[in-house]
């Protein structure tokens, strides 16, 4: 039995299948952790969702910003952008079933035995583990409820960008969602910056990658995340694993076997794109 962690798939079904073949992945014995952004920008979002859904309990995943965007498009709250390549999925005969399954997936995964945490973008240094779990559960609850279109309609926006326990309602949900699905940089006090997408070497002062700030989460827990393809899986401190390596942009799909920390890679079959 092995535990495999895979970065953002973005509809790259061929690469996902080839990567799992490299290790003879067996869903009856092995576990698969996915960093979110299962869909959009790659060619086969429908095949990816169908495959992951049928794996059942073998999969532990978190939702990413592109997954939430799909939910918003389905609910007719956001526009279906041609570059997202979602038409086949949105017109599939089983789209309702797939969407209902997707919106019931977690925002955060924690394995206390393995001391492993996964969130799509990461966790703000302003949260301790208990707060992170509570905020994730709040977003999960609204997505699973009949009120989820109301939340999705108010999800977009960069404020508030500073954590306070007193945050309530849609403002609290938006902040939590931005942390778990959009965050890259923080100010030194932990306040979010939602604008900069540069590589750390090019980021303006005083912005700091969220993972380089002191954190309240116990140091014996590792954090795996996706979302930030520009990192190319590099430059994170010990115990922080960046797994998005830009497969849908012409990079590669990355997988980490947790037990021995061995990496596996599958090059993208797509021509490299410059727009990230």
Protein backbone atom coordinates (compact mmCIF):
# COMPACT_ATOMS: atom_id res chain seq x y z
CA UNK A 1 0.00 0.00 0.00
CA UNK A 2 1.29 3.45 -0.93
CA UNK A 3 0.04 7.02 -0.73
CA UNK A 4 0.52 9.13 -3.86
CA UNK A 5 0.16 12.93 -3.94
CA UNK A 6 -0.47 14.52 -7.35
CA UNK A 7 -0.43 18.19 -8.31
CA UNK A 8 -3.01 20.13 -10.33
CA UNK A 9 -4.37 17.93 -13.13
CA UNK A 10 -6.32 20.60 -15.03
CA UNK A 11 -8.04 18.17 -17.36
CA UNK A 12 -4.82 16.41 -18.40
CA UNK A 13 -6.25 12.91 -18.34
CA UNK A 14 -3.60 11.28 -20.54
CA UNK A 15 -0.81 12.45 -18.27
CA UNK A 16 -2.70 11.39 -15.14
CA UNK A 17 -3.25 7.90 -16.54
CA UNK A 18 0.38 7.58 -17.65
CA UNK A 19 1.66 8.81 -14.28
CA UNK A 20 -0.40 6.25 -12.37
CA UNK A 21 0.77 3.53 -14.74
CA UNK A 22 4.38 4.34 -13.80
CA UNK A 23 3.74 3.09 -10.27
CA UNK A 24 1.10 0.45 -11.06
CA UNK A 25 -1.43 2.35 -8.97
CA UNK A 26 -3.98 -0.03 -7.44
CA UNK A 27 -7.11 1.70 -6.11
CA UNK A 28 -7.91 -1.36 -4.00
CA UNK A 29 -4.68 -0.92 -2.05
CA UNK A 30 -3.18 2.53 -2.68
CA UNK A 31 -4.39 6.02 -1.79
CA UNK A 32 -4.39 9.05 -4.07
CA UNK A 33 -4.26 12.62 -2.75
CA UNK A 34 -5.04 15.38 -5.26
CA UNK A 35 -4.27 19.08 -4.80
CA UNK A 36 -7.38 20.31 -6.63
CA UNK A 37 -7.88 22.14 -9.92
CA UNK A 38 -8.97 18.89 -11.45
CA UNK A 39 -10.56 20.71 -14.38
CA UNK A 40 -10.11 23.52 -16.91
CA UNK A 41 -7.37 24.59 -19.31
CA UNK A 42 -6.51 21.02 -20.26
CA UNK A 43 -8.33 18.96 -22.92
CA UNK A 44 -10.10 16.22 -20.94
CA UNK A 45 -11.80 17.64 -17.84
CA UNK A 46 -14.77 15.34 -18.33
CA UNK A 47 -12.60 12.21 -18.42
CA UNK A 48 -10.67 13.37 -15.35
CA UNK A 49 -13.81 13.91 -13.26
CA UNK A 50 -15.37 10.63 -14.33
CA UNK A 51 -12.21 8.71 -13.51
CA UNK A 52 -11.60 10.30 -10.12
CA UNK A 53 -15.23 9.95 -9.10
CA UNK A 54 -15.26 6.23 -9.85
CA UNK A 55 -12.15 5.69 -7.71
CA UNK A 56 -14.33 6.29 -4.66
CA UNK A 57 -12.63 6.06 -1.27
CA UNK A 58 -9.20 5.53 -2.83
CA UNK A 59 -9.09 9.29 -3.45
CA UNK A 60 -8.65 12.20 -1.07
CA UNK A 61 -8.89 15.53 -2.84
CA UNK A 62 -9.33 19.22 -2.14
CA UNK A 63 -11.15 21.76 -4.27
CA UNK A 64 -9.19 24.41 -6.16
CA UNK A 65 -10.16 27.76 -7.62
CA UNK A 66 -10.82 26.28 -11.06
CA UNK A 67 -13.08 23.63 -9.53
CA UNK A 68 -15.06 26.38 -7.80
CA UNK A 69 -15.16 28.31 -11.07
CA UNK A 70 -16.72 25.27 -12.75
CA UNK A 71 -19.40 25.17 -10.04
CA UNK A 72 -20.08 28.86 -10.62
CA UNK A 73 -20.33 28.39 -14.39
CA UNK A 74 -22.70 25.46 -13.91
CA UNK A 75 -24.86 27.62 -11.60
CA UNK A 76 -24.87 30.36 -14.30
CA UNK A 77 -23.07 32.77 -11.98
CA UNK A 78 -19.80 32.98 -13.90
CA UNK A 79 -19.05 33.03 -17.62
CA UNK A 80 -17.80 29.91 -19.39
CA UNK A 81 -14.50 31.08 -20.85
CA UNK A 82 -13.44 29.37 -24.09
CA UNK A 83 -9.87 28.93 -22.78
CA UNK A 84 -11.18 26.78 -19.92
CA UNK A 85 -12.23 24.04 -22.37
CA UNK A 86 -15.27 23.07 -20.28
CA UNK A 87 -17.91 22.74 -23.02
CA UNK A 88 -17.69 18.94 -23.27
CA UNK A 89 -18.09 18.60 -19.52
CA UNK A 90 -20.94 21.10 -19.24
CA UNK A 91 -22.93 19.34 -21.97
CA UNK A 92 -22.23 15.78 -20.83
CA UNK A 93 -25.27 13.61 -19.96
CA UNK A 94 -23.87 13.04 -16.46
CA UNK A 95 -22.91 16.66 -15.75
CA UNK A 96 -25.49 17.01 -12.95
CA UNK A 97 -24.16 13.94 -11.20
CA UNK A 98 -20.55 15.06 -11.56
CA UNK A 99 -21.27 18.58 -10.29
CA UNK A 100 -23.21 17.32 -7.29
CA UNK A 101 -20.31 15.02 -6.46
CA UNK A 102 -17.73 17.78 -6.92
CA UNK A 103 -19.41 20.31 -4.66
CA UNK A 104 -19.43 17.78 -1.82
CA UNK A 105 -15.66 17.40 -1.83
CA UNK A 106 -13.41 18.82 0.93
CA UNK A 107 -11.49 22.07 1.01
CA UNK A 108 -8.86 20.62 3.32
CA UNK A 109 -7.40 17.17 3.98
CA UNK A 110 -5.59 16.22 7.18
CA UNK A 111 -4.08 12.89 8.13
CA UNK A 112 -3.08 13.18 11.77
CA UNK A 113 -1.30 9.83 11.77
CA UNK A 114 0.93 10.79 8.84
CA UNK A 115 1.05 14.45 9.98
CA UNK A 116 0.06 15.47 6.45
CA UNK A 117 -2.10 18.44 5.43
CA UNK A 118 -3.26 19.25 1.92
CA UNK A 119 -4.89 22.48 0.71
CA UNK A 120 -5.02 23.71 -2.87
CA UNK A 121 -3.19 27.01 -2.33
CA UNK A 122 -1.97 26.55 1.23
CA UNK A 123 -2.85 27.79 4.70
CA UNK A 124 -2.43 31.31 6.01
CA UNK A 125 0.17 31.67 8.76
CA UNK A 126 -2.54 33.43 10.77
CA UNK A 127 -4.44 30.16 11.30
CA UNK A 128 -3.74 27.41 13.76
CA UNK A 129 -4.83 23.90 12.84
CA UNK A 130 -8.14 24.09 14.69
CA UNK A 131 -9.07 27.35 12.94
CA UNK A 132 -8.08 25.97 9.54
CA UNK A 133 -10.30 22.94 10.04
CA UNK A 134 -13.23 25.06 11.23
CA UNK A 135 -12.98 27.48 8.31
CA UNK A 136 -12.69 24.64 5.80
CA UNK A 137 -15.77 22.94 7.25
CA UNK A 138 -17.75 26.20 6.97
CA UNK A 139 -17.01 26.51 3.26
CA UNK A 140 -17.73 22.81 2.71
CA UNK A 141 -21.08 23.14 4.47
CA UNK A 142 -22.29 26.00 2.28
CA UNK A 143 -21.15 24.25 -0.91
CA UNK A 144 -23.12 21.15 0.07
CA UNK A 145 -26.24 23.15 0.93
CA UNK A 146 -29.02 24.39 -1.34
CA UNK A 147 -27.64 27.91 -0.76
CA UNK A 148 -24.39 27.22 -2.60
CA UNK A 149 -25.25 29.48 -5.59
CA UNK A 150 -25.61 32.43 -3.19
CA UNK A 151 -22.12 31.79 -1.86
CA UNK A 152 -20.63 31.33 -5.32
CA UNK A 153 -22.17 34.64 -6.40
CA UNK A 154 -20.34 36.41 -3.55
CA UNK A 155 -17.16 34.33 -3.69
CA UNK A 156 -15.27 36.58 -6.08
CA UNK A 157 -13.31 39.43 -4.54
CA UNK A 158 -10.07 40.12 -2.68
CA UNK A 159 -11.47 41.51 0.56
CA UNK A 160 -11.32 40.95 3.43
CA UNK A 161 -7.63 40.09 3.25
CA UNK A 162 -6.80 39.89 6.94
CA UNK A 163 -7.94 37.22 9.37
CA UNK A 164 -10.03 38.10 12.39
CA UNK A 165 -12.02 35.60 14.45
CA UNK A 166 -14.86 38.13 14.39
CA UNK A 167 -15.35 37.73 10.63
CA UNK A 168 -18.79 36.34 9.87
CA UNK A 169 -21.07 35.44 6.99
CA UNK A 170 -20.04 35.76 3.38
CA UNK A 171 -16.98 37.87 4.24
CA UNK A 172 -15.60 35.05 6.39
CA UNK A 173 -16.39 32.46 3.71
CA UNK A 174 -14.69 34.56 1.01
CA UNK A 175 -11.57 35.05 3.12
CA UNK A 176 -11.33 31.33 3.85
CA UNK A 177 -11.86 30.44 0.20
CA UNK A 178 -9.18 32.89 -0.92
CA UNK A 179 -6.71 31.38 1.54
CA UNK A 180 -7.33 27.80 0.53
CA UNK A 181 -7.70 28.28 -3.23
CA UNK A 182 -6.03 31.55 -4.35
CA UNK A 183 -3.30 32.64 -1.91
CA UNK A 184 0.35 32.99 -2.91
CA UNK A 185 1.86 35.92 -1.05
CA UNK A 186 1.36 37.55 2.32
CA UNK A 187 2.62 40.70 3.95
CA UNK A 188 4.94 40.08 6.92
CA UNK A 189 1.98 40.28 9.34
CA UNK A 190 0.17 37.49 7.45
CA UNK A 191 -2.27 39.75 5.60
CA UNK A 192 -3.03 38.38 2.14
CA UNK A 193 -1.85 39.93 -1.09
CA UNK A 194 -4.13 38.74 -3.87
CA UNK A 195 -2.45 40.52 -6.79
CA UNK A 196 1.13 39.28 -7.18
CA UNK A 197 1.64 36.09 -9.20
CA UNK A 198 5.38 36.48 -9.87
CA UNK A 199 8.06 34.03 -8.96
CA UNK A 200 9.41 34.75 -5.47
CA UNK A 201 12.65 36.17 -6.89
CA UNK A 202 10.62 38.84 -8.70
CA UNK A 203 8.07 39.65 -6.01
CA UNK A 204 8.07 43.23 -4.72
CA UNK A 205 9.05 44.06 -1.16
CA UNK A 206 7.63 43.38 1.41
CA UNK A 207 5.66 40.42 0.03
CA UNK A 208 6.64 36.96 1.25
CA UNK A 209 5.43 33.54 0.03
CA UNK A 210 2.92 32.29 2.58
CA UNK A 211 5.08 29.25 3.36
CA UNK A 212 8.09 31.36 4.35
CA UNK A 213 6.34 33.05 7.25
CA UNK A 214 6.26 31.58 10.77
CA UNK A 215 3.19 29.40 11.13
CA UNK A 216 0.91 28.47 14.00
CA UNK A 217 0.36 24.95 12.71
CA UNK A 218 2.61 22.44 14.53
CA UNK A 219 5.99 22.10 12.87
CA UNK A 220 5.78 18.31 12.71
CA UNK A 221 2.94 18.57 10.17
CA UNK A 222 3.82 18.75 6.49
CA UNK A 223 1.75 20.76 4.01
CA UNK A 224 1.25 19.75 0.37
CA UNK A 225 -0.30 22.23 -2.04
CA UNK A 226 -0.76 23.01 -5.73
CA UNK A 227 -1.99 26.18 -7.42
CA UNK A 228 1.38 27.90 -7.91
CA UNK A 229 2.78 26.53 -11.17
CA UNK A 230 5.38 29.28 -11.41
CA UNK A 231 7.25 27.70 -8.49
CA UNK A 232 7.92 24.64 -10.67
CA UNK A 233 7.88 22.57 -7.49
CA UNK A 234 10.97 24.35 -6.12
CA UNK A 235 12.02 26.74 -3.38
CA UNK A 236 9.85 25.64 -0.47
CA UNK A 237 11.18 24.95 3.04
CA UNK A 238 11.43 21.49 4.52
CA UNK A 239 8.02 19.94 5.10
CA UNK A 240 6.28 22.09 2.46
CA UNK A 241 5.60 20.35 -0.86
CA UNK A 242 4.68 22.35 -3.98
CA UNK A 243 3.18 19.89 -6.46
CA UNK A 244 1.75 22.02 -9.29
CA UNK A 245 4.27 21.92 -12.11
CA UNK A 246 2.12 23.33 -14.90
CA UNK A 247 1.10 20.26 -16.87
CA UNK A 248 -1.67 22.11 -18.69
CA UNK A 249 0.81 24.84 -19.66
CA UNK A 250 3.23 22.40 -21.25
CA UNK A 251 5.13 21.53 -18.06
CA UNK A 252 4.71 18.20 -16.33
CA UNK A 253 2.42 16.39 -13.93
CA UNK A 254 4.14 15.67 -10.62
CA UNK A 255 3.48 12.87 -8.15
CA UNK A 256 5.07 12.29 -4.75
CA UNK A 257 5.02 8.91 -3.06
CA UNK A 258 4.60 9.88 0.55
CA UNK A 259 6.18 6.90 2.27
CA UNK A 260 9.65 7.33 0.76
CA UNK A 261 9.33 10.87 -0.68
CA UNK A 262 10.13 9.67 -4.20
CA UNK A 263 8.95 11.87 -7.05
CA UNK A 264 7.52 10.73 -10.38
CA UNK A 265 6.91 12.96 -13.41
CA UNK A 266 4.91 12.80 -16.61
CA UNK A 267 5.73 15.40 -19.29
CA UNK A 268 2.81 17.28 -20.78
CA UNK A 269 1.62 16.26 -24.22
CA UNK A 270 0.53 19.85 -24.86
CA UNK A 271 2.47 22.60 -26.55
CA UNK A 272 3.84 25.02 -23.98
CA UNK A 273 1.74 28.10 -23.41
CA UNK A 274 3.06 31.37 -22.10
CA UNK A 275 -0.13 32.64 -20.46
CA UNK A 276 -0.32 31.34 -16.91
